Amino acid sequence: MSRLSIVIPIYNNSKQAVRCVNSIYKFIELDENNYEIILVDDFSDREDFINLESNIKKLNKRNIIIKKNKENCGPAKTRNVGASLTKFENILFLDSDTVLYKDISLKILKNLDDNDAVNGHYHYIPVNDETSSHFKALYNFYHFSKKGKCTYATFNGACAAIKAKAFFEVKGYNENIKFGMDYENEEIGRRIAKKYKMILDPEINVMHEFPKFIKMMKLYFLRGIPYVQFILKEKKLDGTGPGDKKTVFSIILSILLVLSLFFYLLFYKTIFLNLFLVLFICNFIVNIETYLFVTRKKLSFLPTFMLVNLFLNNVLFISVIFGLFKYTLDFFKSKL
C-alpha cells in the first residue's frame, strides 16, 4: 500500500487549519499508519500559533506534527520546509483554508501509480456563504472540469500530490517567489511537466473558503500583474483551466461592453446602445457553456454570476495593462 505525507502551510489562520485537519481525519480512508500530516506555520502571531498547538494537541493523534518557521518566508519556502519533513513516498499539498468533504487519498494514490503528479481543484460549493465565494467556486469548478482528466502544466499547491522523488529532483518550489507574486504553482508546474507526467483529475476536489468580494477584487488585480509577465515570458497561454484564449476574449469583450454603456449614458447616441447590445450578445455566446453550468448547479445565482464575472473581468483587464507596462519597463531596463 502506497503511503501519503500531507503538507499544509499555515499563516495566521489556525481556525481554518484545524478545520482542515479535522476534515482529513473524518474522511480519509487510509489507515493512520499509512499517512502523516505536517503543519508548517509561517511565523504566525504568537496567539494564533498557541491556538493551533492547543487544538491539534486535543486531537491526540500520533501521525501529525507542527513545525514553525523562524521568520515569515512565504508559501513557496513553507511548502518546501514541510516537504523536507516528510517520510513517505508521496506528498499531498493542501491549503489550510480547504476542507475535505469526501476521501481523495485513494484516488490520488491510484493516479500516482501511472503518473508522477496529480492535481485536484475546488468543489463548486464553497465553505463560506459569500457571493464572491459562490461565484469563484462555480467558475473554477467549471473551468477545471470541462476537459475531464487531462495533462496539466500547473502544480496546484492548494490540492495537488506528487511522488516525493520527483518533487525533490526538481528541487521543490522556487523560494525566490515571495508572497504577493503568487505564481509559484505555475513556475514549479512547468518544471515538473518538462520531466514528469502530470495530470489534472477533476474528481479530486476539495471545498475552499474564498475571500470576500473586496479582497477577491484586490487579489485578481495583484495576482494578474505577475501572471501576465509569466505568460509573456512563456509566450503561450495555459490551455487548461480559466487561463485559455476564450477567457482572454471574454475579458476584452467585458471592458468594451462597459465602455459602450458608459459612452451611451454620456452621449445618448444610438450607436453606442447598439454596440452595447452586440457586445452583450457576443459576451454571452463566449460564456454560454459556463452560464449553462451555473444554471444547472445554482439557477437563482446566474444573474449575480454574470454581473460579478463582468466586473472581475474588468479588474483583470486593468491588471493586464499594468502587467504589460511592467513587462515592457523591465524589458527596456534589461537592455540598458
C-alpha atoms as a PDB file:
ATOM      1  CA  MET A   1       0.000   0.000   0.000  1.00  0.00           C
ATOM      2  CA  SER A   2       1.401   3.402  -1.006  1.00  0.00           C
ATOM      3  CA  ARG A   3       1.654   5.972   1.742  1.00  0.00           C
ATOM      4  CA  LEU A   4       0.943   9.686   1.804  1.00  0.00           C
ATOM      5  CA  SER A   5       2.501  12.694   3.535  1.00  0.00           C
ATOM      6  CA  ILE A   6       0.092  15.638   3.728  1.00  0.00           C
ATOM      7  CA  VAL A   7       1.753  19.075   3.922  1.00  0.00           C
ATOM      8  CA  ILE A   8      -0.332  22.084   4.987  1.00  0.00           C
ATOM      9  CA  PRO A   9       1.197  25.596   5.149  1.00  0.00           C
ATOM     10  CA  ILE A  10      -0.393  27.932   7.691  1.00  0.00           C
ATOM     11  CA  TYR A  11      -0.236  31.656   8.323  1.00  0.00           C
ATOM     12  CA  ASN A  12      -2.467  33.359  10.909  1.00  0.00           C
ATOM     13  CA  ASN A  13      -5.447  31.107  10.206  1.00  0.00           C
ATOM     14  CA  SER A  14      -5.304  28.434  12.901  1.00  0.00           C
ATOM     15  CA  LYS A  15      -9.099  28.102  12.960  1.00  0.00           C
ATOM     16  CA  GLN A  16      -9.243  27.154   9.267  1.00  0.00           C
ATOM     17  CA  ALA A  17      -6.195  24.890   9.612  1.00  0.00           C
ATOM     18  CA  VAL A  18      -7.762  22.926  12.467  1.00  0.00           C
ATOM     19  CA  ARG A  19     -10.975  22.630  10.440  1.00  0.00           C
ATOM     20  CA  CYS A  20      -8.953  21.266   7.504  1.00  0.00           C
ATOM     21  CA  VAL A  21      -7.171  18.727   9.732  1.00  0.00           C
ATOM     22  CA  ASN A  22     -10.464  17.588  11.267  1.00  0.00           C
ATOM     23  CA  SER A  23     -11.905  17.009   7.791  1.00  0.00           C
ATOM     24  CA  ILE A  24      -8.873  14.883   6.869  1.00  0.00           C
ATOM     25  CA  TYR A  25      -9.343  12.628   9.875  1.00  0.00           C
ATOM     26  CA  LYS A  26     -13.076  12.427   9.183  1.00  0.00           C
ATOM     27  CA  PHE A  27     -12.943  11.464   5.509  1.00  0.00           C
ATOM     28  CA  ILE A  28      -9.561   9.948   4.663  1.00  0.00           C
ATOM     29  CA  GLU A  29      -9.813   6.185   4.172  1.00  0.00           C
ATOM     30  CA  LEU A  30      -6.164   5.334   4.691  1.00  0.00           C
ATOM     31  CA  ASP A  31      -5.029   3.664   7.871  1.00  0.00           C
ATOM     32  CA  GLU A  32      -3.357   6.211  10.162  1.00  0.00           C
ATOM     33  CA  ASN A  33      -0.093   4.303   9.819  1.00  0.00           C
ATOM     34  CA  ASN A  34      -0.150   4.975   6.072  1.00  0.00           C
ATOM     35  CA  TYR A  35      -0.367   8.747   6.153  1.00  0.00           C
ATOM     36  CA  GLU A  36       1.007  11.666   8.108  1.00  0.00           C
ATOM     37  CA  ILE A  37       0.022  15.333   8.435  1.00  0.00           C
ATOM     38  CA  ILE A  38       2.701  18.009   8.570  1.00  0.00           C
ATOM     39  CA  LEU A  39       1.594  21.500   9.528  1.00  0.00           C
ATOM     40  CA  VAL A  40       4.116  24.251   8.781  1.00  0.00           C
ATOM     41  CA  ASP A  41       3.357  27.584  10.445  1.00  0.00           C
ATOM     42  CA  ASP A  42       4.905  30.503   8.557  1.00  0.00           C
ATOM     43  CA  PHE A  43       5.716  32.558  11.669  1.00  0.00           C
ATOM     44  CA  SER A  44       2.129  33.386  12.636  1.00  0.00           C
ATOM     45  CA  ASP A  45       1.266  35.691  15.507  1.00  0.00           C
ATOM     46  CA  ARG A  46       2.004  34.149  18.900  1.00  0.00           C
ATOM     47  CA  GLU A  47      -1.668  33.887  19.903  1.00  0.00           C
ATOM     48  CA  ASP A  48      -2.652  32.212  16.639  1.00  0.00           C
ATOM     49  CA  PHE A  49       0.172  29.681  16.892  1.00  0.00           C
ATOM     50  CA  ILE A  50      -0.727  28.860  20.518  1.00  0.00           C
ATOM     51  CA  ASN A  51      -4.316  28.288  19.407  1.00  0.00           C
ATOM     52  CA  LEU A  52      -3.092  25.960  16.651  1.00  0.00           C
ATOM     53  CA  GLU A  53      -0.904  23.923  19.002  1.00  0.00           C
ATOM     54  CA  SER A  54      -3.646  23.670  21.628  1.00  0.00           C
ATOM     55  CA  ASN A  55      -6.314  22.416  19.231  1.00  0.00           C
ATOM     56  CA  ILE A  56      -4.028  19.942  17.462  1.00  0.00           C
ATOM     57  CA  LYS A  57      -2.882  18.559  20.818  1.00  0.00           C
ATOM     58  CA  LYS A  58      -6.526  17.891  21.750  1.00  0.00           C
ATOM     59  CA  LEU A  59      -6.841  15.546  18.777  1.00  0.00           C
ATOM     60  CA  ASN A  60      -4.367  13.192  20.454  1.00  0.00           C
ATOM     61  CA  LYS A  61      -3.066  11.846  17.138  1.00  0.00           C
ATOM     62  CA  ARG A  62       0.387  10.349  16.620  1.00  0.00           C
ATOM     63  CA  ASN A  63       0.654  10.964  12.885  1.00  0.00           C
ATOM     64  CA  ILE A  64       0.633  14.772  12.934  1.00  0.00           C
ATOM     65  CA  ILE A  65       3.453  17.240  13.603  1.00  0.00           C
ATOM     66  CA  ILE A  66       3.744  21.033  13.733  1.00  0.00           C
ATOM     67  CA  LYS A  67       6.773  22.969  12.545  1.00  0.00           C
ATOM     68  CA  LYS A  68       7.105  26.755  12.932  1.00  0.00           C
ATOM     69  CA  ASN A  69       9.323  28.842  10.675  1.00  0.00           C
ATOM     70  CA  LYS A  70      11.755  31.158  12.467  1.00  0.00           C
ATOM     71  CA  GLU A  71      10.631  34.003  10.211  1.00  0.00           C
ATOM     72  CA  ASN A  72       7.905  34.689   7.668  1.00  0.00           C
ATOM     73  CA  CYS A  73       9.095  33.029   4.455  1.00  0.00           C
ATOM     74  CA  GLY A  74       6.104  32.897   2.122  1.00  0.00           C
ATOM     75  CA  PRO A  75       4.177  29.888   0.751  1.00  0.00           C
ATOM     76  CA  ALA A  76       6.934  28.540  -1.534  1.00  0.00           C
ATOM     77  CA  LYS A  77       9.563  28.054   1.155  1.00  0.00           C
ATOM     78  CA  THR A  78       6.956  26.970   3.708  1.00  0.00           C
ATOM     79  CA  ARG A  79       5.829  24.131   1.446  1.00  0.00           C
ATOM     80  CA  ASN A  80       9.465  23.143   0.894  1.00  0.00           C
ATOM     81  CA  VAL A  81      10.015  23.051   4.658  1.00  0.00           C
ATOM     82  CA  GLY A  82       7.019  20.741   5.010  1.00  0.00           C
ATOM     83  CA  ALA A  83       8.233  18.500   2.188  1.00  0.00           C
ATOM     84  CA  SER A  84      11.666  18.193   3.837  1.00  0.00           C
ATOM     85  CA  LEU A  85       9.978  16.701   6.922  1.00  0.00           C
ATOM     86  CA  THR A  86       8.028  14.021   5.049  1.00  0.00           C
ATOM     87  CA  LYS A  87       8.852  10.330   5.406  1.00  0.00           C
ATOM     88  CA  PHE A  88       6.515   8.727   2.870  1.00  0.00           C
ATOM     89  CA  GLU A  89       6.908   8.242  -0.872  1.00  0.00           C
ATOM     90  CA  ASN A  90       4.058  10.543  -1.949  1.00  0.00           C
ATOM     91  CA  ILE A  91       3.382  14.146  -0.921  1.00  0.00           C
ATOM     92  CA  LEU A  92      -0.041  15.819  -0.936  1.00  0.00           C
ATOM     93  CA  PHE A  93      -0.118  19.598  -0.585  1.00  0.00           C
ATOM     94  CA  LEU A  94      -3.295  21.164   0.776  1.00  0.00           C
ATOM     95  CA  ASP A  95      -4.059  24.768   1.639  1.00  0.00           C
ATOM     96  CA  SER A  96      -5.183  25.387   5.196  1.00  0.00           C
ATOM     97  CA  ASP A  97      -8.447  27.016   4.068  1.00  0.00           C
ATOM     98  CA  THR A  98      -9.591  23.877   2.235  1.00  0.00           C
ATOM     99  CA  VAL A  99     -11.941  21.225   3.617  1.00  0.00           C
ATOM    100  CA  LEU A 100     -12.371  17.604   2.597  1.00  0.00           C
ATOM    101  CA  TYR A 101     -15.980  16.545   2.070  1.00  0.00           C
ATOM    102  CA  LYS A 102     -15.035  13.056   0.817  1.00  0.00           C
ATOM    103  CA  ASP A 103     -11.954  10.863   0.657  1.00  0.00           C
ATOM    104  CA  ILE A 104      -9.442  11.926  -2.001  1.00  0.00           C
ATOM    105  CA  SER A 105      -6.471   9.849  -0.846  1.00  0.00           C
ATOM    106  CA  LEU A 106      -7.311   6.595  -2.647  1.00  0.00           C
ATOM    107  CA  LYS A 107      -7.941   8.326  -5.978  1.00  0.00           C
ATOM    108  CA  ILE A 108      -4.715  10.308  -5.571  1.00  0.00           C
ATOM    109  CA  LEU A 109      -2.658   7.182  -4.915  1.00  0.00           C
ATOM    110  CA  LYS A 110      -4.316   5.366  -7.802  1.00  0.00           C
ATOM    111  CA  ASN A 111      -3.418   8.245 -10.143  1.00  0.00           C
ATOM    112  CA  LEU A 112       0.162   8.227  -8.864  1.00  0.00           C
ATOM    113  CA  ASP A 113       0.510   4.592  -9.933  1.00  0.00           C
ATOM    114  CA  ASP A 114       0.558   5.792 -13.560  1.00  0.00           C
ATOM    115  CA  ASN A 115       1.628   9.441 -13.166  1.00  0.00           C
ATOM    116  CA  ASP A 116       4.256  11.402 -11.269  1.00  0.00           C
ATOM    117  CA  ALA A 117       1.949  14.196 -10.119  1.00  0.00           C
ATOM    118  CA  VAL A 118      -1.800  14.773  -9.963  1.00  0.00           C
ATOM    119  CA  ASN A 119      -3.762  17.973  -9.437  1.00  0.00           C
ATOM    120  CA  GLY A 120      -7.142  18.424  -7.852  1.00  0.00           C
ATOM    121  CA  HIS A 121      -9.209  21.610  -7.679  1.00  0.00           C
ATOM    122  CA  TYR A 122     -12.091  23.269  -5.805  1.00  0.00           C
ATOM    123  CA  HIS A 123     -15.639  21.965  -5.435  1.00  0.00           C
ATOM    124  CA  TYR A 124     -18.480  24.116  -6.784  1.00  0.00           C
ATOM    125  CA  ILE A 125     -19.883  24.583  -3.259  1.00  0.00           C
ATOM    126  CA  PRO A 126     -17.630  26.843  -1.157  1.00  0.00           C
ATOM    127  CA  VAL A 127     -17.027  26.575   2.572  1.00  0.00           C
ATOM    128  CA  ASN A 128     -18.276  30.112   3.253  1.00  0.00           C
ATOM    129  CA  ASP A 129     -21.623  31.522   2.123  1.00  0.00           C
ATOM    130  CA  GLU A 130     -20.477  34.696   0.330  1.00  0.00           C
ATOM    131  CA  THR A 131     -21.463  35.993  -3.114  1.00  0.00           C
ATOM    132  CA  SER A 132     -17.808  36.115  -4.147  1.00  0.00           C
ATOM    133  CA  SER A 133     -17.268  32.578  -2.832  1.00  0.00           C
ATOM    134  CA  HIS A 134     -20.173  31.088  -4.770  1.00  0.00           C
ATOM    135  CA  PHE A 135     -19.002  32.863  -7.914  1.00  0.00           C
ATOM    136  CA  LYS A 136     -15.401  31.701  -7.618  1.00  0.00           C
ATOM    137  CA  ALA A 137     -16.312  28.127  -6.658  1.00  0.00           C
ATOM    138  CA  LEU A 138     -18.688  27.728  -9.610  1.00  0.00           C
ATOM    139  CA  TYR A 139     -16.297  29.472 -12.011  1.00  0.00           C
ATOM    140  CA  ASN A 140     -13.275  27.405 -11.003  1.00  0.00           C
ATOM    141  CA  PHE A 141     -15.130  24.106 -10.887  1.00  0.00           C
ATOM    142  CA  TYR A 142     -16.473  24.517 -14.415  1.00  0.00           C
ATOM    143  CA  HIS A 143     -13.176  25.595 -15.954  1.00  0.00           C
ATOM    144  CA  PHE A 144     -11.105  22.905 -14.252  1.00  0.00           C
ATOM    145  CA  SER A 145     -13.647  20.161 -15.013  1.00  0.00           C
ATOM    146  CA  LYS A 146     -14.594  20.912 -18.613  1.00  0.00           C
ATOM    147  CA  LYS A 147     -11.834  18.775 -20.177  1.00  0.00           C
ATOM    148  CA  GLY A 148     -12.109  15.867 -17.767  1.00  0.00           C
ATOM    149  CA  LYS A 149      -8.885  14.113 -16.777  1.00  0.00           C
ATOM    150  CA  CYS A 150      -6.064  15.630 -18.801  1.00  0.00           C
ATOM    151  CA  THR A 151      -2.396  16.608 -18.806  1.00  0.00           C
ATOM    152  CA  TYR A 152      -1.713  19.826 -16.918  1.00  0.00           C
ATOM    153  CA  ALA A 153       1.298  22.114 -16.567  1.00  0.00           C
ATOM    154  CA  THR A 154       0.486  23.904 -13.293  1.00  0.00           C
ATOM    155  CA  PHE A 155       1.035  22.307  -9.884  1.00  0.00           C
ATOM    156  CA  ASN A 156      -1.958  23.469  -7.850  1.00  0.00           C
ATOM    157  CA  GLY A 157      -0.484  23.605  -4.355  1.00  0.00           C
ATOM    158  CA  ALA A 158      -3.928  24.083  -2.813  1.00  0.00           C
ATOM    159  CA  CYS A 159      -4.723  20.454  -3.687  1.00  0.00           C
ATOM    160  CA  ALA A 160      -2.023  18.541  -5.539  1.00  0.00           C
ATOM    161  CA  ALA A 161       0.069  15.431  -4.985  1.00  0.00           C
ATOM    162  CA  ILE A 162       3.438  14.349  -6.310  1.00  0.00           C
ATOM    163  CA  LYS A 163       5.856  11.488  -5.864  1.00  0.00           C
ATOM    164  CA  ALA A 164       8.426  12.640  -3.313  1.00  0.00           C
ATOM    165  CA  LYS A 165      11.297  11.588  -5.567  1.00  0.00           C
ATOM    166  CA  ALA A 166      10.023  13.804  -8.393  1.00  0.00           C
ATOM    167  CA  PHE A 167       9.453  16.767  -6.067  1.00  0.00           C
ATOM    168  CA  PHE A 168      12.990  16.682  -4.727  1.00  0.00           C
ATOM    169  CA  GLU A 169      14.520  16.066  -8.152  1.00  0.00           C
ATOM    170  CA  VAL A 170      13.005  19.335  -9.469  1.00  0.00           C
ATOM    171  CA  LYS A 171      14.264  20.968  -6.232  1.00  0.00           C
ATOM    172  CA  GLY A 172      10.809  21.867  -4.955  1.00  0.00           C
ATOM    173  CA  TYR A 173       9.234  25.296  -5.051  1.00  0.00           C
ATOM    174  CA  ASN A 174      11.228  28.329  -6.168  1.00  0.00           C
ATOM    175  CA  GLU A 175      11.843  30.147  -2.875  1.00  0.00           C
ATOM    176  CA  ASN A 176      12.639  33.397  -4.682  1.00  0.00           C
ATOM    177  CA  ILE A 177       8.922  33.708  -5.429  1.00  0.00           C
ATOM    178  CA  LYS A 178       7.600  35.524  -2.387  1.00  0.00           C
ATOM    179  CA  PHE A 179       4.041  36.048  -1.165  1.00  0.00           C
ATOM    180  CA  GLY A 180       2.323  38.646  -3.317  1.00  0.00           C
ATOM    181  CA  MET A 181       3.881  37.382  -6.545  1.00  0.00           C
ATOM    182  CA  ASP A 182       1.651  34.309  -6.465  1.00  0.00           C
ATOM    183  CA  TYR A 183       2.766  32.312  -9.466  1.00  0.00           C
ATOM    184  CA  GLU A 184       4.833  29.707  -7.622  1.00  0.00           C
ATOM    185  CA  ASN A 185       2.381  26.979  -8.679  1.00  0.00           C
ATOM    186  CA  GLU A 186       2.775  27.809 -12.369  1.00  0.00           C
ATOM    187  CA  GLU A 187       6.558  28.009 -12.100  1.00  0.00           C
ATOM    188  CA  ILE A 188       7.087  24.655 -10.370  1.00  0.00           C
ATOM    189  CA  GLY A 189       4.412  23.095 -12.580  1.00  0.00           C
ATOM    190  CA  ARG A 190       6.340  23.913 -15.739  1.00  0.00           C
ATOM    191  CA  ARG A 191       9.492  22.352 -14.282  1.00  0.00           C
ATOM    192  CA  ILE A 192       7.615  19.210 -13.256  1.00  0.00           C
ATOM    193  CA  ALA A 193       5.887  18.900 -16.649  1.00  0.00           C
ATOM    194  CA  LYS A 194       9.207  19.068 -18.507  1.00  0.00           C
ATOM    195  CA  LYS A 195      10.494  15.896 -16.843  1.00  0.00           C
ATOM    196  CA  TYR A 196       7.485  14.062 -15.499  1.00  0.00           C
ATOM    197  CA  LYS A 197       3.918  13.090 -16.285  1.00  0.00           C
ATOM    198  CA  MET A 198       1.444  15.372 -14.505  1.00  0.00           C
ATOM    199  CA  ILE A 199      -2.336  15.388 -14.847  1.00  0.00           C
ATOM    200  CA  LEU A 200      -5.454  17.141 -13.604  1.00  0.00           C
ATOM    201  CA  ASP A 201      -8.203  14.870 -12.287  1.00  0.00           C
ATOM    202  CA  PRO A 202     -11.481  16.810 -11.740  1.00  0.00           C
ATOM    203  CA  GLU A 203     -12.822  14.048  -9.487  1.00  0.00           C
ATOM    204  CA  ILE A 204     -10.233  15.071  -6.900  1.00  0.00           C
ATOM    205  CA  ASN A 205     -11.647  18.217  -5.371  1.00  0.00           C
ATOM    206  CA  VAL A 206     -11.973  19.923  -2.009  1.00  0.00           C
ATOM    207  CA  MET A 207     -14.176  22.657  -0.643  1.00  0.00           C
ATOM    208  CA  HIS A 208     -12.487  26.021  -0.236  1.00  0.00           C
ATOM    209  CA  GLU A 209     -13.026  29.183   1.806  1.00  0.00           C
ATOM    210  CA  PHE A 210     -12.763  32.040  -0.650  1.00  0.00           C
ATOM    211  CA  PRO A 211     -12.137  35.676   0.332  1.00  0.00           C
ATOM    212  CA  LYS A 212     -14.888  38.270   0.482  1.00  0.00           C
ATOM    213  CA  PHE A 213     -15.556  40.417  -2.562  1.00  0.00           C
ATOM    214  CA  ILE A 214     -13.254  43.387  -1.866  1.00  0.00           C
ATOM    215  CA  LYS A 215     -10.324  41.135  -1.018  1.00  0.00           C
ATOM    216  CA  MET A 216     -11.039  38.938  -4.040  1.00  0.00           C
ATOM    217  CA  MET A 217     -11.039  42.017  -6.273  1.00  0.00           C
ATOM    218  CA  LYS A 218      -7.642  43.056  -4.876  1.00  0.00           C
ATOM    219  CA  LEU A 219      -6.269  39.540  -5.389  1.00  0.00           C
ATOM    220  CA  TYR A 220      -7.492  39.484  -9.003  1.00  0.00           C
ATOM    221  CA  PHE A 221      -5.609  42.710  -9.638  1.00  0.00           C
ATOM    222  CA  LEU A 222      -2.427  41.904  -7.705  1.00  0.00           C
ATOM    223  CA  ARG A 223      -2.060  38.326  -8.966  1.00  0.00           C
ATOM    224  CA  GLY A 224      -2.846  39.283 -12.534  1.00  0.00           C
ATOM    225  CA  ILE A 225       0.223  41.519 -12.902  1.00  0.00           C
ATOM    226  CA  PRO A 226       2.955  38.882 -12.313  1.00  0.00           C
ATOM    227  CA  TYR A 227       0.880  36.231 -14.086  1.00  0.00           C
ATOM    228  CA  VAL A 228       0.807  38.348 -17.258  1.00  0.00           C
ATOM    229  CA  GLN A 229       4.587  38.707 -17.078  1.00  0.00           C
ATOM    230  CA  PHE A 230       4.943  34.946 -16.571  1.00  0.00           C
ATOM    231  CA  ILE A 231       2.747  34.181 -19.609  1.00  0.00           C
ATOM    232  CA  LEU A 232       4.611  36.706 -21.785  1.00  0.00           C
ATOM    233  CA  LYS A 233       7.920  35.075 -20.901  1.00  0.00           C
ATOM    234  CA  GLU A 234       6.458  31.660 -21.743  1.00  0.00           C
ATOM    235  CA  LYS A 235       4.853  33.028 -24.918  1.00  0.00           C
ATOM    236  CA  LYS A 236       1.778  30.823 -24.541  1.00  0.00           C
ATOM    237  CA  LEU A 237      -1.446  30.589 -22.574  1.00  0.00           C
ATOM    238  CA  ASP A 238      -2.410  27.726 -20.299  1.00  0.00           C
ATOM    239  CA  GLY A 239      -4.935  25.752 -22.346  1.00  0.00           C
ATOM    240  CA  THR A 240      -6.481  24.077 -19.283  1.00  0.00           C
ATOM    241  CA  GLY A 241      -8.489  25.891 -16.622  1.00  0.00           C
ATOM    242  CA  PRO A 242      -9.598  29.535 -16.825  1.00  0.00           C
ATOM    243  CA  GLY A 243      -6.365  30.792 -18.414  1.00  0.00           C
ATOM    244  CA  ASP A 244      -7.311  29.977 -22.018  1.00  0.00           C
ATOM    245  CA  LYS A 245      -7.973  32.029 -25.164  1.00  0.00           C
ATOM    246  CA  LYS A 246     -11.711  32.108 -24.559  1.00  0.00           C
ATOM    247  CA  THR A 247     -11.163  33.766 -21.173  1.00  0.00           C
ATOM    248  CA  VAL A 248      -8.914  36.398 -22.774  1.00  0.00           C
ATOM    249  CA  PHE A 249     -11.613  37.105 -25.368  1.00  0.00           C
ATOM    250  CA  SER A 250     -14.213  37.380 -22.606  1.00  0.00           C
ATOM    251  CA  ILE A 251     -12.057  39.912 -20.732  1.00  0.00           C
ATOM    252  CA  ILE A 252     -11.700  42.070 -23.864  1.00  0.00           C
ATOM    253  CA  LEU A 253     -15.441  41.910 -24.552  1.00  0.00           C
ATOM    254  CA  SER A 254     -16.211  42.827 -20.933  1.00  0.00           C
ATOM    255  CA  ILE A 255     -14.185  46.043 -20.979  1.00  0.00           C
ATOM    256  CA  LEU A 256     -15.677  47.023 -24.362  1.00  0.00           C
ATOM    257  CA  LEU A 257     -19.146  46.267 -23.009  1.00  0.00           C
ATOM    258  CA  VAL A 258     -18.653  48.603 -20.053  1.00  0.00           C
ATOM    259  CA  LEU A 259     -17.134  51.335 -22.241  1.00  0.00           C
ATOM    260  CA  SER A 260     -20.018  51.198 -24.746  1.00  0.00           C
ATOM    261  CA  LEU A 261     -22.541  51.531 -21.907  1.00  0.00           C
ATOM    262  CA  PHE A 262     -20.553  54.410 -20.425  1.00  0.00           C
ATOM    263  CA  PHE A 263     -20.481  56.305 -23.734  1.00  0.00           C
ATOM    264  CA  TYR A 264     -24.181  55.678 -24.283  1.00  0.00           C
ATOM    265  CA  LEU A 265     -25.056  57.116 -20.872  1.00  0.00           C
ATOM    266  CA  LEU A 266     -22.707  60.020 -21.540  1.00  0.00           C
ATOM    267  CA  PHE A 267     -23.824  60.947 -25.078  1.00  0.00           C
ATOM    268  CA  TYR A 268     -27.178  59.134 -25.537  1.00  0.00           C
ATOM    269  CA  LYS A 269     -26.158  58.072 -29.046  1.00  0.00           C
ATOM    270  CA  THR A 270     -27.970  55.062 -30.525  1.00  0.00           C
ATOM    271  CA  ILE A 271     -24.737  53.743 -31.987  1.00  0.00           C
ATOM    272  CA  PHE A 272     -23.342  53.135 -28.507  1.00  0.00           C
ATOM    273  CA  LEU A 273     -26.526  51.376 -27.399  1.00  0.00           C
ATOM    274  CA  ASN A 274     -26.413  49.140 -30.478  1.00  0.00           C
ATOM    275  CA  LEU A 275     -22.742  48.437 -29.842  1.00  0.00           C
ATOM    276  CA  PHE A 276     -23.545  47.562 -26.234  1.00  0.00           C
ATOM    277  CA  LEU A 277     -26.244  45.095 -27.330  1.00  0.00           C
ATOM    278  CA  VAL A 278     -23.962  43.447 -29.895  1.00  0.00           C
ATOM    279  CA  LEU A 279     -21.134  43.142 -27.373  1.00  0.00           C
ATOM    280  CA  PHE A 280     -23.534  41.765 -24.752  1.00  0.00           C
ATOM    281  CA  ILE A 281     -24.687  39.040 -27.149  1.00  0.00           C
ATOM    282  CA  CYS A 282     -21.095  38.222 -28.125  1.00  0.00           C
ATOM    283  CA  ASN A 283     -20.028  38.054 -24.485  1.00  0.00           C
ATOM    284  CA  PHE A 284     -22.994  35.830 -23.655  1.00  0.00           C
ATOM    285  CA  ILE A 285     -22.131  33.450 -26.510  1.00  0.00           C
ATOM    286  CA  VAL A 286     -18.475  33.258 -25.431  1.00  0.00           C
ATOM    287  CA  ASN A 287     -19.522  32.368 -21.874  1.00  0.00           C
ATOM    288  CA  ILE A 288     -22.601  30.288 -22.728  1.00  0.00           C
ATOM    289  CA  GLU A 289     -21.106  26.971 -21.573  1.00  0.00           C
ATOM    290  CA  THR A 290     -20.144  28.476 -18.211  1.00  0.00           C
ATOM    291  CA  TYR A 291     -23.605  30.008 -17.815  1.00  0.00           C
ATOM    292  CA  LEU A 292     -25.282  26.699 -18.640  1.00  0.00           C
ATOM    293  CA  PHE A 293     -23.192  25.004 -15.969  1.00  0.00           C
ATOM    294  CA  VAL A 294     -24.204  27.662 -13.397  1.00  0.00           C
ATOM    295  CA  THR A 295     -27.832  27.229 -14.463  1.00  0.00           C
ATOM    296  CA  ARG A 296     -27.635  23.500 -13.733  1.00  0.00           C
ATOM    297  CA  LYS A 297     -25.959  23.935 -10.356  1.00  0.00           C
ATOM    298  CA  LYS A 298     -27.476  27.159  -8.986  1.00  0.00           C
ATOM    299  CA  LEU A 299     -30.046  28.721 -11.329  1.00  0.00           C
ATOM    300  CA  SER A 300     -31.046  31.566  -8.992  1.00  0.00           C
ATOM    301  CA  PHE A 301     -27.427  32.716  -8.839  1.00  0.00           C
ATOM    302  CA  LEU A 302     -26.988  33.138 -12.615  1.00  0.00           C
ATOM    303  CA  PRO A 303     -27.755  36.908 -12.867  1.00  0.00           C
ATOM    304  CA  THR A 304     -25.379  37.625  -9.975  1.00  0.00           C
ATOM    305  CA  PHE A 305     -22.748  35.349 -11.502  1.00  0.00           C
ATOM    306  CA  MET A 306     -22.921  37.233 -14.794  1.00  0.00           C
ATOM    307  CA  LEU A 307     -22.542  40.634 -13.115  1.00  0.00           C
ATOM    308  CA  VAL A 308     -19.646  39.521 -10.923  1.00  0.00           C
ATOM    309  CA  ASN A 309     -17.945  37.910 -13.909  1.00  0.00           C
ATOM    310  CA  LEU A 310     -18.298  41.145 -15.899  1.00  0.00           C
ATOM    311  CA  PHE A 311     -16.906  43.239 -13.062  1.00  0.00           C
ATOM    312  CA  LEU A 312     -13.943  40.987 -12.277  1.00  0.00           C
ATOM    313  CA  ASN A 313     -13.092  40.702 -15.969  1.00  0.00           C
ATOM    314  CA  ASN A 314     -12.708  44.481 -15.994  1.00  0.00           C
ATOM    315  CA  VAL A 315     -10.452  44.257 -12.939  1.00  0.00           C
ATOM    316  CA  LEU A 316      -8.393  41.654 -14.785  1.00  0.00           C
ATOM    317  CA  PHE A 317      -8.181  43.900 -17.849  1.00  0.00           C
ATOM    318  CA  ILE A 318      -6.711  46.725 -15.756  1.00  0.00           C
ATOM    319  CA  SER A 319      -4.331  44.218 -14.177  1.00  0.00           C
ATOM    320  CA  VAL A 320      -3.254  43.035 -17.634  1.00  0.00           C
ATOM    321  CA  ILE A 321      -2.476  46.627 -18.655  1.00  0.00           C
ATOM    322  CA  PHE A 322      -0.309  47.062 -15.557  1.00  0.00           C
ATOM    323  CA  GLY A 323       1.351  43.717 -16.230  1.00  0.00           C
ATOM    324  CA  LEU A 324       2.132  44.662 -19.831  1.00  0.00           C
ATOM    325  CA  PHE A 325       3.525  48.002 -18.700  1.00  0.00           C
ATOM    326  CA  LYS A 326       5.749  46.382 -16.072  1.00  0.00           C
ATOM    327  CA  TYR A 327       6.929  43.727 -18.525  1.00  0.00           C
ATOM    328  CA  THR A 328       7.836  46.413 -21.084  1.00  0.00           C
ATOM    329  CA  LEU A 329       9.583  48.506 -18.427  1.00  0.00           C
ATOM    330  CA  ASP A 330      11.608  45.511 -17.200  1.00  0.00           C
ATOM    331  CA  PHE A 331      12.490  44.613 -20.787  1.00  0.00           C
ATOM    332  CA  PHE A 332      13.947  48.052 -21.533  1.00  0.00           C
ATOM    333  CA  LYS A 333      15.732  48.133 -18.168  1.00  0.00           C
ATOM    334  CA  SER A 334      17.423  44.846 -19.034  1.00  0.00           C
ATOM    335  CA  LYS A 335      18.697  46.384 -22.288  1.00  0.00           C
ATOM    336  CA  LEU A 336      20.320  49.373 -20.573  1.00  0.00           C
END
